[in-house]
Amino acid sequence: MRALIQDVVETTKVRDRQGNVIVSFSGTLLTFILRVFMVGLFVLAIGGIIAFIGAWVMGSIDPSNANFGYMN
């Protein structure tokens, strides 16, 4: 797997006229992985909130004894 990634990185480098590397695949790959991870966490959080509200509306959660950070 590592050899495959290194081969892809080597073939996807963008160079200027002097031969200096401008953009490589490894930075793009890291950014892509980070974005997928962050979107996954965001979807997980929103899904949890929606599931909580849905369970509350359907009556699965009893709000009479719920404590949202303060005491009555």
PDB file of N, CA and C in Angstrom:
ATOM      1  N   MET A   1       0.833  -1.193   0.000  1.00  0.00           N
ATOM      2  CA  MET A   1       0.000   0.000   0.000  1.00  0.00           C
ATOM      3  C   MET A   1       0.874   1.252   0.000  1.00  0.00           C
ATOM      4  N   ARG A   2       1.919   1.228   0.825  1.00  0.00           N
ATOM      5  CA  ARG A   2       2.790   2.393   0.911  1.00  0.00           C
ATOM      6  C   ARG A   2       3.492   2.651  -0.425  1.00  0.00           C
ATOM      7  N   ALA A   3       3.909   1.584  -1.087  1.00  0.00           N
ATOM      8  CA  ALA A   3       4.566   1.740  -2.384  1.00  0.00           C
ATOM      9  C   ALA A   3       3.608   2.309  -3.415  1.00  0.00           C
ATOM     10  N   LEU A   4       2.354   1.906  -3.348  1.00  0.00           N
ATOM     11  CA  LEU A   4       1.358   2.436  -4.273  1.00  0.00           C
ATOM     12  C   LEU A   4       1.152   3.926  -4.049  1.00  0.00           C
ATOM     13  N   ILE A   5       1.047   4.332  -2.795  1.00  0.00           N
ATOM     14  CA  ILE A   5       0.864   5.756  -2.485  1.00  0.00           C
ATOM     15  C   ILE A   5       2.086   6.558  -2.910  1.00  0.00           C
ATOM     16  N   GLN A   6       3.284   6.035  -2.669  1.00  0.00           N
ATOM     17  CA  GLN A   6       4.492   6.751  -3.081  1.00  0.00           C
ATOM     18  C   GLN A   6       4.575   6.870  -4.591  1.00  0.00           C
ATOM     19  N   ASP A   7       4.132   5.845  -5.309  1.00  0.00           N
ATOM     20  CA  ASP A   7       4.118   5.912  -6.764  1.00  0.00           C
ATOM     21  C   ASP A   7       3.139   6.967  -7.249  1.00  0.00           C
ATOM     22  N   VAL A   8       1.963   7.030  -6.630  1.00  0.00           N
ATOM     23  CA  VAL A   8       0.970   8.040  -7.006  1.00  0.00           C
ATOM     24  C   VAL A   8       1.490   9.436  -6.699  1.00  0.00           C
ATOM     25  N   VAL A   9       2.159   9.589  -5.557  1.00  0.00           N
ATOM     26  CA  VAL A   9       2.726  10.897  -5.195  1.00  0.00           C
ATOM     27  C   VAL A   9       3.787  11.303  -6.206  1.00  0.00           C
ATOM     28  N   GLU A  10       4.606  10.374  -6.602  1.00  0.00           N
ATOM     29  CA  GLU A  10       5.689  10.687  -7.544  1.00  0.00           C
ATOM     30  C   GLU A  10       5.142  11.076  -8.914  1.00  0.00           C
ATOM     31  N   THR A  11       4.060  10.456  -9.332  1.00  0.00           N
ATOM     32  CA  THR A  11       3.511  10.738 -10.662  1.00  0.00           C
ATOM     33  C   THR A  11       2.567  11.928 -10.684  1.00  0.00           C
ATOM     34  N   THR A  12       2.155  12.436  -9.531  1.00  0.00           N
ATOM     35  CA  THR A  12       1.195  13.533  -9.512  1.00  0.00           C
ATOM     36  C   THR A  12       1.812  14.842  -9.046  1.00  0.00           C
ATOM     37  N   LYS A  13       3.120  14.944  -9.060  1.00  0.00           N
ATOM     38  CA  LYS A  13       3.760  16.202  -8.676  1.00  0.00           C
ATOM     39  C   LYS A  13       3.662  17.199  -9.827  1.00  0.00           C
ATOM     40  N   VAL A  14       3.399  18.439  -9.487  1.00  0.00           N
ATOM     41  CA  VAL A  14       3.361  19.515 -10.469  1.00  0.00           C
ATOM     42  C   VAL A  14       4.625  20.331 -10.274  1.00  0.00           C
ATOM     43  N   ARG A  15       5.381  20.489 -11.348  1.00  0.00           N
ATOM     44  CA  ARG A  15       6.661  21.202 -11.269  1.00  0.00           C
ATOM     45  C   ARG A  15       6.616  22.449 -12.143  1.00  0.00           C
ATOM     46  N   ASP A  16       7.386  23.447 -11.731  1.00  0.00           N
ATOM     47  CA  ASP A  16       7.512  24.646 -12.560  1.00  0.00           C
ATOM     48  C   ASP A  16       8.652  24.448 -13.556  1.00  0.00           C
ATOM     49  N   ARG A  17       9.017  25.501 -14.294  1.00  0.00           N
ATOM     50  CA  ARG A  17      10.033  25.383 -15.352  1.00  0.00           C
ATOM     51  C   ARG A  17      11.427  25.092 -14.805  1.00  0.00           C
ATOM     52  N   GLN A  18      11.702  25.473 -13.558  1.00  0.00           N
ATOM     53  CA  GLN A  18      13.000  25.195 -12.961  1.00  0.00           C
ATOM     54  C   GLN A  18      13.068  23.789 -12.349  1.00  0.00           C
ATOM     55  N   GLY A  19      11.952  23.082 -12.297  1.00  0.00           N
ATOM     56  CA  GLY A  19      11.934  21.738 -11.741  1.00  0.00           C
ATOM     57  C   GLY A  19      11.537  21.670 -10.278  1.00  0.00           C
ATOM     58  N   ASN A  20      11.184  22.800  -9.689  1.00  0.00           N
ATOM     59  CA  ASN A  20      10.759  22.804  -8.283  1.00  0.00           C
ATOM     60  C   ASN A  20       9.319  22.295  -8.179  1.00  0.00           C
ATOM     61  N   VAL A  21       9.053  21.536  -7.126  1.00  0.00           N
ATOM     62  CA  VAL A  21       7.714  20.988  -6.918  1.00  0.00           C
ATOM     63  C   VAL A  21       6.793  22.093  -6.417  1.00  0.00           C
ATOM     64  N   ILE A  22       5.698  22.295  -7.123  1.00  0.00           N
ATOM     65  CA  ILE A  22       4.710  23.302  -6.715  1.00  0.00           C
ATOM     66  C   ILE A  22       3.640  22.645  -5.843  1.00  0.00           C
ATOM     67  N   VAL A  23       3.047  21.577  -6.342  1.00  0.00           N
ATOM     68  CA  VAL A  23       1.963  20.879  -5.641  1.00  0.00           C
ATOM     69  C   VAL A  23       2.230  19.386  -5.739  1.00  0.00           C
ATOM     70  N   SER A  24       1.993  18.685  -4.642  1.00  0.00           N
ATOM     71  CA  SER A  24       2.101  17.229  -4.690  1.00  0.00           C
ATOM     72  C   SER A  24       0.816  16.616  -4.168  1.00  0.00           C
ATOM     73  N   PHE A  25       0.662  15.343  -4.442  1.00  0.00           N
ATOM     74  CA  PHE A  25      -0.558  14.620  -4.077  1.00  0.00           C
ATOM     75  C   PHE A  25      -0.675  14.412  -2.575  1.00  0.00           C
ATOM     76  N   SER A  26       0.461  14.358  -1.857  1.00  0.00           N
ATOM     77  CA  SER A  26       0.408  14.034  -0.429  1.00  0.00           C
ATOM     78  C   SER A  26      -0.311  15.116   0.371  1.00  0.00           C
ATOM     79  N   GLY A  27      -0.079  16.379   0.057  1.00  0.00           N
ATOM     80  CA  GLY A  27      -0.789  17.450   0.750  1.00  0.00           C
ATOM     81  C   GLY A  27      -2.272  17.423   0.451  1.00  0.00           C
ATOM     82  N   THR A  28      -2.609  17.143  -0.795  1.00  0.00           N
ATOM     83  CA  THR A  28      -4.009  17.049  -1.185  1.00  0.00           C
ATOM     84  C   THR A  28      -4.683  15.868  -0.510  1.00  0.00           C
ATOM     85  N   LEU A  29      -3.970  14.750  -0.419  1.00  0.00           N
ATOM     86  CA  LEU A  29      -4.526  13.564   0.227  1.00  0.00           C
ATOM     87  C   LEU A  29      -4.766  13.804   1.710  1.00  0.00           C
ATOM     88  N   LEU A  30      -3.825  14.455   2.386  1.00  0.00           N
ATOM     89  CA  LEU A  30      -3.990  14.758   3.807  1.00  0.00           C
ATOM     90  C   LEU A  30      -5.181  15.693   4.025  1.00  0.00           C
ATOM     91  N   THR A  31      -5.318  16.694   3.181  1.00  0.00           N
ATOM     92  CA  THR A  31      -6.447  17.619   3.290  1.00  0.00           C
ATOM     93  C   THR A  31      -7.765  16.882   3.074  1.00  0.00           C
ATOM     94  N   PHE A  32      -7.794  15.987   2.097  1.00  0.00           N
ATOM     95  CA  PHE A  32      -9.005  15.218   1.817  1.00  0.00           C
ATOM     96  C   PHE A  32      -9.384  14.338   3.002  1.00  0.00           C
ATOM     97  N   ILE A  33      -8.418  13.646   3.578  1.00  0.00           N
ATOM     98  CA  ILE A  33      -8.685  12.777   4.729  1.00  0.00           C
ATOM     99  C   ILE A  33      -9.183  13.600   5.919  1.00  0.00           C
ATOM    100  N   LEU A  34      -8.573  14.749   6.160  1.00  0.00           N
ATOM    101  CA  LEU A  34      -8.997  15.615   7.258  1.00  0.00           C
ATOM    102  C   LEU A  34     -10.416  16.130   7.046  1.00  0.00           C
ATOM    103  N   ARG A  35     -10.740  16.505   5.808  1.00  0.00           N
ATOM    104  CA  ARG A  35     -12.095  16.992   5.527  1.00  0.00           C
ATOM    105  C   ARG A  35     -13.125  15.895   5.702  1.00  0.00           C
ATOM    106  N   VAL A  36     -12.822  14.680   5.240  1.00  0.00           N
ATOM    107  CA  VAL A  36     -13.752  13.560   5.405  1.00  0.00           C
ATOM    108  C   VAL A  36     -13.962  13.270   6.890  1.00  0.00           C
ATOM    109  N   PHE A  37     -12.906  13.321   7.681  1.00  0.00           N
ATOM    110  CA  PHE A  37     -13.008  13.096   9.123  1.00  0.00           C
ATOM    111  C   PHE A  37     -13.878  14.162   9.787  1.00  0.00           C
ATOM    112  N   MET A  38     -13.659  15.425   9.436  1.00  0.00           N
ATOM    113  CA  MET A  38     -14.433  16.510  10.045  1.00  0.00           C
ATOM    114  C   MET A  38     -15.901  16.452   9.626  1.00  0.00           C
ATOM    115  N   VAL A  39     -16.162  16.143   8.369  1.00  0.00           N
ATOM    116  CA  VAL A  39     -17.552  16.016   7.909  1.00  0.00           C
ATOM    117  C   VAL A  39     -18.220  14.840   8.614  1.00  0.00           C
ATOM    118  N   GLY A  40     -17.489  13.750   8.819  1.00  0.00           N
ATOM    119  CA  GLY A  40     -18.041  12.610   9.540  1.00  0.00           C
ATOM    120  C   GLY A  40     -18.428  12.958  10.966  1.00  0.00           C
ATOM    121  N   LEU A  41     -17.569  13.700  11.653  1.00  0.00           N
ATOM    122  CA  LEU A  41     -17.901  14.132  13.013  1.00  0.00           C
ATOM    123  C   LEU A  41     -19.109  15.061  13.032  1.00  0.00           C
ATOM    124  N   PHE A  42     -19.181  15.957  12.057  1.00  0.00           N
ATOM    125  CA  PHE A  42     -20.304  16.888  11.967  1.00  0.00           C
ATOM    126  C   PHE A  42     -21.604  16.130  11.728  1.00  0.00           C
ATOM    127  N   VAL A  43     -21.585  15.167  10.805  1.00  0.00           N
ATOM    128  CA  VAL A  43     -22.780  14.375  10.515  1.00  0.00           C
ATOM    129  C   VAL A  43     -23.182  13.566  11.744  1.00  0.00           C
ATOM    130  N   LEU A  44     -22.216  13.022  12.457  1.00  0.00           N
ATOM    131  CA  LEU A  44     -22.500  12.262  13.675  1.00  0.00           C
ATOM    132  C   LEU A  44     -23.174  13.146  14.731  1.00  0.00           C
ATOM    133  N   ALA A  45     -22.676  14.357  14.910  1.00  0.00           N
ATOM    134  CA  ALA A  45     -23.258  15.268  15.900  1.00  0.00           C
ATOM    135  C   ALA A  45     -24.676  15.691  15.507  1.00  0.00           C
ATOM    136  N   ILE A  46     -24.859  16.070  14.251  1.00  0.00           N
ATOM    137  CA  ILE A  46     -26.192  16.494  13.795  1.00  0.00           C
ATOM    138  C   ILE A  46     -27.169  15.318  13.862  1.00  0.00           C
ATOM    139  N   GLY A  47     -26.702  14.123  13.480  1.00  0.00           N
ATOM    140  CA  GLY A  47     -27.563  12.940  13.567  1.00  0.00           C
ATOM    141  C   GLY A  47     -27.983  12.635  14.993  1.00  0.00           C
ATOM    142  N   GLY A  48     -27.071  12.804  15.934  1.00  0.00           N
ATOM    143  CA  GLY A  48     -27.402  12.588  17.339  1.00  0.00           C
ATOM    144  C   GLY A  48     -28.430  13.580  17.853  1.00  0.00           C
ATOM    145  N   ILE A  49     -28.258  14.835  17.472  1.00  0.00           N
ATOM    146  CA  ILE A  49     -29.220  15.871  17.895  1.00  0.00           C
ATOM    147  C   ILE A  49     -30.598  15.590  17.306  1.00  0.00           C
ATOM    148  N   ILE A  50     -30.639  15.240  16.015  1.00  0.00           N
ATOM    149  CA  ILE A  50     -31.921  14.957  15.366  1.00  0.00           C
ATOM    150  C   ILE A  50     -32.563  13.707  15.965  1.00  0.00           C
ATOM    151  N   ALA A  51     -31.766  12.687  16.266  1.00  0.00           N
ATOM    152  CA  ALA A  51     -32.312  11.480  16.890  1.00  0.00           C
ATOM    153  C   ALA A  51     -32.859  11.780  18.276  1.00  0.00           C
ATOM    154  N   PHE A  52     -32.158  12.648  19.024  1.00  0.00           N
ATOM    155  CA  PHE A  52     -32.649  13.032  20.350  1.00  0.00           C
ATOM    156  C   PHE A  52     -33.983  13.765  20.246  1.00  0.00           C
ATOM    157  N   ILE A  53     -34.069  14.716  19.331  1.00  0.00           N
ATOM    158  CA  ILE A  53     -35.314  15.474  19.176  1.00  0.00           C
ATOM    159  C   ILE A  53     -36.432  14.557  18.689  1.00  0.00           C
ATOM    160  N   GLY A  54     -36.101  13.650  17.750  1.00  0.00           N
ATOM    161  CA  GLY A  54     -37.114  12.712  17.259  1.00  0.00           C
ATOM    162  C   GLY A  54     -37.622  11.785  18.350  1.00  0.00           C
ATOM    163  N   ALA A  55     -36.726  11.276  19.176  1.00  0.00           N
ATOM    164  CA  ALA A  55     -37.142  10.415  20.282  1.00  0.00           C
ATOM    165  C   ALA A  55     -37.973  11.188  21.294  1.00  0.00           C
ATOM    166  N   TRP A  56     -37.626  12.458  21.480  1.00  0.00           N
ATOM    167  CA  TRP A  56     -38.390  13.298  22.408  1.00  0.00           C
ATOM    168  C   TRP A  56     -39.805  13.527  21.873  1.00  0.00           C
ATOM    169  N   VAL A  57     -39.919  13.795  20.567  1.00  0.00           N
ATOM    170  CA  VAL A  57     -41.228  14.036  19.954  1.00  0.00           C
ATOM    171  C   VAL A  57     -42.073  12.766  19.962  1.00  0.00           C
ATOM    172  N   MET A  58     -41.463  11.626  19.701  1.00  0.00           N
ATOM    173  CA  MET A  58     -42.198  10.364  19.652  1.00  0.00           C
ATOM    174  C   MET A  58     -42.562   9.833  21.038  1.00  0.00           C
ATOM    175  N   GLY A  59     -42.015  10.411  22.075  1.00  0.00           N
ATOM    176  CA  GLY A  59     -42.365  10.014  23.429  1.00  0.00           C
ATOM    177  C   GLY A  59     -41.449   8.989  24.036  1.00  0.00           C
ATOM    178  N   SER A  60     -40.343   8.687  23.394  1.00  0.00           N
ATOM    179  CA  SER A  60     -39.402   7.713  23.956  1.00  0.00           C
ATOM    180  C   SER A  60     -38.598   8.296  25.109  1.00  0.00           C
ATOM    181  N   ILE A  61     -38.504   9.594  25.164  1.00  0.00           N
ATOM    182  CA  ILE A  61     -37.777  10.277  26.227  1.00  0.00           C
ATOM    183  C   ILE A  61     -38.791  11.015  27.098  1.00  0.00           C
ATOM    184  N   ASP A  62     -38.720  10.797  28.384  1.00  0.00           N
ATOM    185  CA  ASP A  62     -39.637  11.448  29.317  1.00  0.00           C
ATOM    186  C   ASP A  62     -39.014  12.755  29.799  1.00  0.00           C
ATOM    187  N   PRO A  63     -39.552  13.893  29.383  1.00  0.00           N
ATOM    188  CA  PRO A  63     -38.940  15.175  29.761  1.00  0.00           C
ATOM    189  C   PRO A  63     -39.259  15.625  31.183  1.00  0.00           C
ATOM    190  N   SER A  64     -40.100  14.882  31.883  1.00  0.00           N
ATOM    191  CA  SER A  64     -40.469  15.332  33.234  1.00  0.00           C
ATOM    192  C   SER A  64     -39.301  15.250  34.198  1.00  0.00           C
ATOM    193  N   ASN A  65     -38.364  14.330  33.978  1.00  0.00           N
ATOM    194  CA  ASN A  65     -37.228  14.244  34.885  1.00  0.00           C
ATOM    195  C   ASN A  65     -35.905  14.574  34.182  1.00  0.00           C
ATOM    196  N   ALA A  66     -35.979  15.257  33.049  1.00  0.00           N
ATOM    197  CA  ALA A  66     -34.769  15.629  32.321  1.00  0.00           C
ATOM    198  C   ALA A  66     -34.103  16.814  33.009  1.00  0.00           C
ATOM    199  N   ASN A  67     -32.774  16.795  33.028  1.00  0.00           N
ATOM    200  CA  ASN A  67     -31.985  17.874  33.622  1.00  0.00           C
ATOM    201  C   ASN A  67     -30.982  18.353  32.573  1.00  0.00           C
ATOM    202  N   PHE A  68     -31.165  19.573  32.104  1.00  0.00           N
ATOM    203  CA  PHE A  68     -30.309  20.124  31.066  1.00  0.00           C
ATOM    204  C   PHE A  68     -29.270  21.067  31.635  1.00  0.00           C
ATOM    205  N   GLY A  69     -28.643  20.692  32.723  1.00  0.00           N
ATOM    206  CA  GLY A  69     -27.553  21.481  33.281  1.00  0.00           C
ATOM    207  C   GLY A  69     -27.962  22.421  34.389  1.00  0.00           C
ATOM    208  N   TYR A  70     -29.201  22.434  34.789  1.00  0.00           N
ATOM    209  CA  TYR A  70     -29.609  23.273  35.904  1.00  0.00           C
ATOM    210  C   TYR A  70     -30.626  22.506  36.734  1.00  0.00           C
ATOM    211  N   MET A  71     -30.716  22.867  37.969  1.00  0.00           N
ATOM    212  CA  MET A  71     -31.650  22.205  38.878  1.00  0.00           C
ATOM    213  C   MET A  71     -32.834  23.149  39.154  1.00  0.00           C
ATOM    214  N   ASN A  72     -34.017  22.562  39.262  1.00  0.00           N
ATOM    215  CA  ASN A  72     -35.206  23.360  39.584  1.00  0.00           C
ATOM    216  C   ASN A  72     -35.400  23.441  41.076  1.00  0.00           C
TER     217      ASN A  72
END
